[in-house]
Amino acid sequence: MSGKAPIFEETVSNYLAQVAQIDLAGISENLAITIEQGEALIPFLGKTYRVSSSGVFDDSGLEPIHAIRMECLAIIGWLLADSLAQAAGLGTRSVM
């Protein structure tokens, strides 16, 4: 199967647009993550991913392969869920 599934790419684009609206520094303490140069550094399954509105990238700066991109959706969803929880005043620590 070559190419990327359009619905998957649409979902990623939608999530990344939402990430652009998040104050990453504001949620970093609650999530126990580091922010560097506007990117959230998120350890996940033995690797560190860099997440920003530009995308999700591995340690080498490459976009993960399609099979791993499902994990990227989980990472982005985790950021968004915590941001929404803080906005709602729940302020609970979210652990991945």
N, C-alpha and C. Protein backbone atom coordinates (compact mmCIF):
# COMPACT_ATOMS: atom_id res chain seq x y z
N MET A 1 0.85 -1.17 0.00
CA MET A 1 0.00 0.00 0.00
C MET A 1 0.89 1.23 0.00
N SER A 2 0.81 2.02 -1.04
CA SER A 2 1.62 3.21 -1.09
C SER A 2 0.76 4.44 -0.82
N GLY A 3 1.40 5.51 -0.39
CA GLY A 3 0.67 6.73 -0.10
C GLY A 3 0.06 6.69 1.29
N LYS A 4 -0.50 7.82 1.67
CA LYS A 4 -1.10 7.93 2.98
C LYS A 4 -2.61 8.01 2.85
N ALA A 5 -3.30 7.44 3.80
CA ALA A 5 -4.76 7.46 3.78
C ALA A 5 -5.25 8.89 4.00
N PRO A 6 -6.11 9.39 3.11
CA PRO A 6 -6.59 10.77 3.23
C PRO A 6 -7.26 11.08 4.57
N ILE A 7 -8.06 10.16 5.09
CA ILE A 7 -8.74 10.42 6.36
C ILE A 7 -7.74 10.52 7.50
N PHE A 8 -6.69 9.71 7.43
CA PHE A 8 -5.66 9.76 8.45
C PHE A 8 -4.95 11.12 8.40
N GLU A 9 -4.59 11.55 7.21
CA GLU A 9 -3.90 12.83 7.06
C GLU A 9 -4.78 13.99 7.49
N GLU A 10 -6.07 13.89 7.22
CA GLU A 10 -7.01 14.93 7.64
C GLU A 10 -7.07 15.00 9.16
N THR A 11 -7.10 13.85 9.81
CA THR A 11 -7.13 13.80 11.27
C THR A 11 -5.86 14.41 11.85
N VAL A 12 -4.72 14.04 11.30
CA VAL A 12 -3.45 14.59 11.78
C VAL A 12 -3.44 16.11 11.61
N SER A 13 -3.87 16.59 10.45
CA SER A 13 -3.90 18.04 10.20
C SER A 13 -4.81 18.76 11.19
N ASN A 14 -5.95 18.15 11.48
CA ASN A 14 -6.89 18.73 12.45
C ASN A 14 -6.25 18.78 13.84
N TYR A 15 -5.64 17.70 14.26
CA TYR A 15 -4.98 17.66 15.57
C TYR A 15 -3.87 18.70 15.66
N LEU A 16 -3.06 18.81 14.60
CA LEU A 16 -1.95 19.76 14.63
C LEU A 16 -2.44 21.20 14.67
N ALA A 17 -3.56 21.48 14.03
CA ALA A 17 -4.15 22.81 14.11
C ALA A 17 -4.57 23.11 15.55
N GLN A 18 -5.05 22.10 16.25
CA GLN A 18 -5.43 22.26 17.66
C GLN A 18 -4.19 22.44 18.53
N VAL A 19 -3.12 21.72 18.21
CA VAL A 19 -1.86 21.87 18.96
C VAL A 19 -1.36 23.30 18.86
N ALA A 20 -1.55 23.93 17.71
CA ALA A 20 -1.12 25.31 17.52
C ALA A 20 -1.80 26.26 18.51
N GLN A 21 -2.96 25.88 19.01
CA GLN A 21 -3.72 26.73 19.94
C GLN A 21 -3.37 26.48 21.41
N ILE A 22 -2.56 25.46 21.66
CA ILE A 22 -2.22 25.09 23.04
C ILE A 22 -1.02 25.89 23.53
N ASP A 23 -1.08 26.28 24.78
CA ASP A 23 0.09 26.87 25.44
C ASP A 23 0.91 25.70 25.98
N LEU A 24 1.85 25.21 25.16
CA LEU A 24 2.64 24.03 25.55
C LEU A 24 3.37 24.26 26.87
N ALA A 25 3.93 25.44 27.04
CA ALA A 25 4.64 25.73 28.30
C ALA A 25 3.69 25.66 29.48
N GLY A 26 2.45 26.07 29.26
CA GLY A 26 1.45 26.06 30.32
C GLY A 26 1.03 24.68 30.77
N ILE A 27 1.14 23.70 29.90
CA ILE A 27 0.74 22.34 30.28
C ILE A 27 1.94 21.44 30.56
N SER A 28 3.14 21.95 30.34
CA SER A 28 4.34 21.10 30.47
C SER A 28 4.55 20.58 31.89
N GLU A 29 4.29 21.41 32.89
CA GLU A 29 4.50 20.95 34.27
C GLU A 29 3.51 19.85 34.63
N ASN A 30 2.26 20.04 34.27
CA ASN A 30 1.23 19.05 34.58
C ASN A 30 1.54 17.71 33.92
N LEU A 31 2.11 17.75 32.70
CA LEU A 31 2.42 16.53 31.97
C LEU A 31 3.83 16.01 32.21
N ALA A 32 4.61 16.78 32.95
CA ALA A 32 6.01 16.42 33.22
C ALA A 32 6.79 16.21 31.92
N ILE A 33 6.61 17.18 30.99
CA ILE A 33 7.34 17.13 29.73
C ILE A 33 8.20 18.39 29.61
N THR A 34 9.14 18.34 28.69
CA THR A 34 10.04 19.46 28.44
C THR A 34 9.60 20.17 27.16
N ILE A 35 9.76 21.49 27.16
CA ILE A 35 9.49 22.28 25.97
C ILE A 35 10.81 22.89 25.53
N GLU A 36 11.17 22.68 24.26
CA GLU A 36 12.37 23.28 23.69
C GLU A 36 12.02 23.90 22.35
N GLN A 37 12.33 25.15 22.19
CA GLN A 37 12.12 25.86 20.94
C GLN A 37 10.70 25.68 20.40
N GLY A 38 9.72 25.77 21.31
CA GLY A 38 8.33 25.68 20.92
C GLY A 38 7.84 24.27 20.62
N GLU A 39 8.65 23.27 20.92
CA GLU A 39 8.26 21.88 20.70
C GLU A 39 8.17 21.14 22.02
N ALA A 40 7.16 20.30 22.16
CA ALA A 40 7.04 19.44 23.33
C ALA A 40 7.86 18.18 23.09
N LEU A 41 8.75 17.86 24.01
CA LEU A 41 9.54 16.63 23.93
C LEU A 41 8.83 15.58 24.78
N ILE A 42 8.32 14.55 24.10
CA ILE A 42 7.48 13.57 24.78
C ILE A 42 8.09 12.17 24.66
N PRO A 43 8.48 11.59 25.79
CA PRO A 43 8.96 10.21 25.75
C PRO A 43 7.78 9.27 25.58
N PHE A 44 7.90 8.35 24.63
CA PHE A 44 6.80 7.43 24.35
C PHE A 44 7.37 6.16 23.75
N LEU A 45 7.12 5.03 24.39
CA LEU A 45 7.57 3.72 23.92
C LEU A 45 9.06 3.68 23.61
N GLY A 46 9.85 4.22 24.53
CA GLY A 46 11.30 4.14 24.42
C GLY A 46 11.94 5.15 23.50
N LYS A 47 11.16 6.05 22.92
CA LYS A 47 11.70 7.09 22.05
C LYS A 47 11.18 8.44 22.52
N THR A 48 11.87 9.49 22.12
CA THR A 48 11.39 10.83 22.40
C THR A 48 10.91 11.45 21.10
N TYR A 49 9.69 11.96 21.14
CA TYR A 49 9.11 12.61 19.97
C TYR A 49 9.01 14.11 20.23
N ARG A 50 9.23 14.90 19.16
CA ARG A 50 9.09 16.34 19.20
C ARG A 50 7.75 16.68 18.57
N VAL A 51 6.90 17.36 19.33
CA VAL A 51 5.56 17.66 18.87
C VAL A 51 5.35 19.18 18.85
N SER A 52 4.87 19.67 17.73
CA SER A 52 4.49 21.08 17.60
C SER A 52 3.41 21.15 16.54
N SER A 53 2.98 22.35 16.23
CA SER A 53 1.96 22.49 15.18
C SER A 53 2.52 22.10 13.81
N SER A 54 3.84 21.96 13.72
CA SER A 54 4.46 21.54 12.46
C SER A 54 4.40 20.03 12.25
N GLY A 55 4.18 19.28 13.32
CA GLY A 55 4.10 17.83 13.19
C GLY A 55 4.71 17.10 14.36
N VAL A 56 4.86 15.80 14.17
CA VAL A 56 5.48 14.92 15.16
C VAL A 56 6.71 14.32 14.49
N PHE A 57 7.84 14.46 15.17
CA PHE A 57 9.10 14.02 14.59
C PHE A 57 9.88 13.20 15.61
N ASP A 58 10.66 12.25 15.11
CA ASP A 58 11.47 11.42 16.00
C ASP A 58 12.78 12.14 16.31
N ASP A 59 13.68 11.47 17.04
CA ASP A 59 14.95 12.07 17.45
C ASP A 59 15.80 12.55 16.29
N SER A 60 15.66 11.92 15.14
CA SER A 60 16.48 12.30 13.99
C SER A 60 15.82 13.40 13.16
N GLY A 61 14.65 13.87 13.59
CA GLY A 61 13.97 14.93 12.88
C GLY A 61 13.08 14.46 11.75
N LEU A 62 12.89 13.15 11.67
CA LEU A 62 12.07 12.58 10.60
C LEU A 62 10.66 12.31 11.10
N GLU A 63 9.70 12.40 10.18
CA GLU A 63 8.33 12.05 10.50
C GLU A 63 8.25 10.52 10.59
N PRO A 64 7.64 9.99 11.64
CA PRO A 64 7.57 8.54 11.79
C PRO A 64 6.86 7.87 10.61
N ILE A 65 7.22 6.62 10.36
CA ILE A 65 6.59 5.86 9.29
C ILE A 65 5.12 5.64 9.62
N HIS A 66 4.33 5.26 8.63
CA HIS A 66 2.88 5.18 8.79
C HIS A 66 2.45 4.35 10.00
N ALA A 67 3.06 3.20 10.20
CA ALA A 67 2.65 2.33 11.31
C ALA A 67 2.84 3.05 12.66
N ILE A 68 3.88 3.83 12.76
CA ILE A 68 4.16 4.55 14.01
C ILE A 68 3.28 5.79 14.12
N ARG A 69 2.79 6.29 13.01
CA ARG A 69 1.98 7.51 13.04
C ARG A 69 0.70 7.33 13.86
N MET A 70 0.22 6.11 14.00
CA MET A 70 -0.93 5.89 14.87
C MET A 70 -0.55 6.24 16.31
N GLU A 71 0.68 5.92 16.68
CA GLU A 71 1.16 6.30 18.01
C GLU A 71 1.23 7.82 18.12
N CYS A 72 1.57 8.48 17.02
CA CYS A 72 1.63 9.93 17.03
C CYS A 72 0.26 10.54 17.32
N LEU A 73 -0.78 9.94 16.78
CA LEU A 73 -2.13 10.42 17.09
C LEU A 73 -2.41 10.30 18.58
N ALA A 74 -1.95 9.22 19.19
CA ALA A 74 -2.13 9.05 20.63
C ALA A 74 -1.39 10.14 21.40
N ILE A 75 -0.18 10.47 20.96
CA ILE A 75 0.61 11.51 21.62
C ILE A 75 -0.09 12.86 21.51
N ILE A 76 -0.53 13.21 20.32
CA ILE A 76 -1.19 14.49 20.11
C ILE A 76 -2.50 14.54 20.91
N GLY A 77 -3.25 13.45 20.88
CA GLY A 77 -4.50 13.38 21.63
C GLY A 77 -4.27 13.57 23.12
N TRP A 78 -3.18 13.04 23.61
CA TRP A 78 -2.82 13.17 25.03
C TRP A 78 -2.57 14.64 25.36
N LEU A 79 -1.83 15.34 24.50
CA LEU A 79 -1.59 16.78 24.72
C LEU A 79 -2.90 17.55 24.72
N LEU A 80 -3.74 17.26 23.75
CA LEU A 80 -5.01 17.98 23.64
C LEU A 80 -5.92 17.71 24.83
N ALA A 81 -5.97 16.47 25.29
CA ALA A 81 -6.83 16.11 26.41
C ALA A 81 -6.41 16.85 27.67
N ASP A 82 -5.11 16.94 27.91
CA ASP A 82 -4.65 17.63 29.10
C ASP A 82 -4.94 19.12 29.00
N SER A 83 -4.75 19.68 27.82
CA SER A 83 -5.04 21.10 27.63
C SER A 83 -6.51 21.40 27.92
N LEU A 84 -7.40 20.54 27.45
CA LEU A 84 -8.83 20.71 27.71
C LEU A 84 -9.16 20.55 29.20
N ALA A 85 -8.51 19.60 29.85
CA ALA A 85 -8.74 19.37 31.28
C ALA A 85 -8.32 20.60 32.08
N GLN A 86 -7.18 21.19 31.72
CA GLN A 86 -6.73 22.39 32.43
C GLN A 86 -7.67 23.56 32.17
N ALA A 87 -8.13 23.70 30.93
CA ALA A 87 -9.06 24.78 30.60
C ALA A 87 -10.36 24.65 31.38
N ALA A 88 -10.76 23.41 31.66
CA ALA A 88 -11.98 23.16 32.42
C ALA A 88 -11.76 23.27 33.92
N GLY A 89 -10.51 23.54 34.32
CA GLY A 89 -10.21 23.68 35.73
C GLY A 89 -10.02 22.38 36.47
N LEU A 90 -9.84 21.28 35.74
CA LEU A 90 -9.67 20.00 36.39
C LEU A 90 -8.27 19.83 36.93
N GLY A 91 -7.27 20.30 36.19
CA GLY A 91 -5.90 20.36 36.65
C GLY A 91 -5.29 19.07 37.15
N THR A 92 -5.83 17.93 36.79
CA THR A 92 -5.26 16.67 37.23
C THR A 92 -4.04 16.31 36.42
N ARG A 93 -3.11 15.61 37.03
CA ARG A 93 -1.90 15.20 36.32
C ARG A 93 -2.26 14.04 35.40
N SER A 94 -1.88 14.21 34.14
CA SER A 94 -2.14 13.20 33.13
C SER A 94 -0.85 12.44 32.87
N VAL A 95 -0.89 11.13 33.00
CA VAL A 95 0.32 10.32 32.81
C VAL A 95 0.12 9.41 31.61
N MET A 96 1.12 9.40 30.75
CA MET A 96 1.06 8.53 29.56
C MET A 96 1.82 7.29 29.85
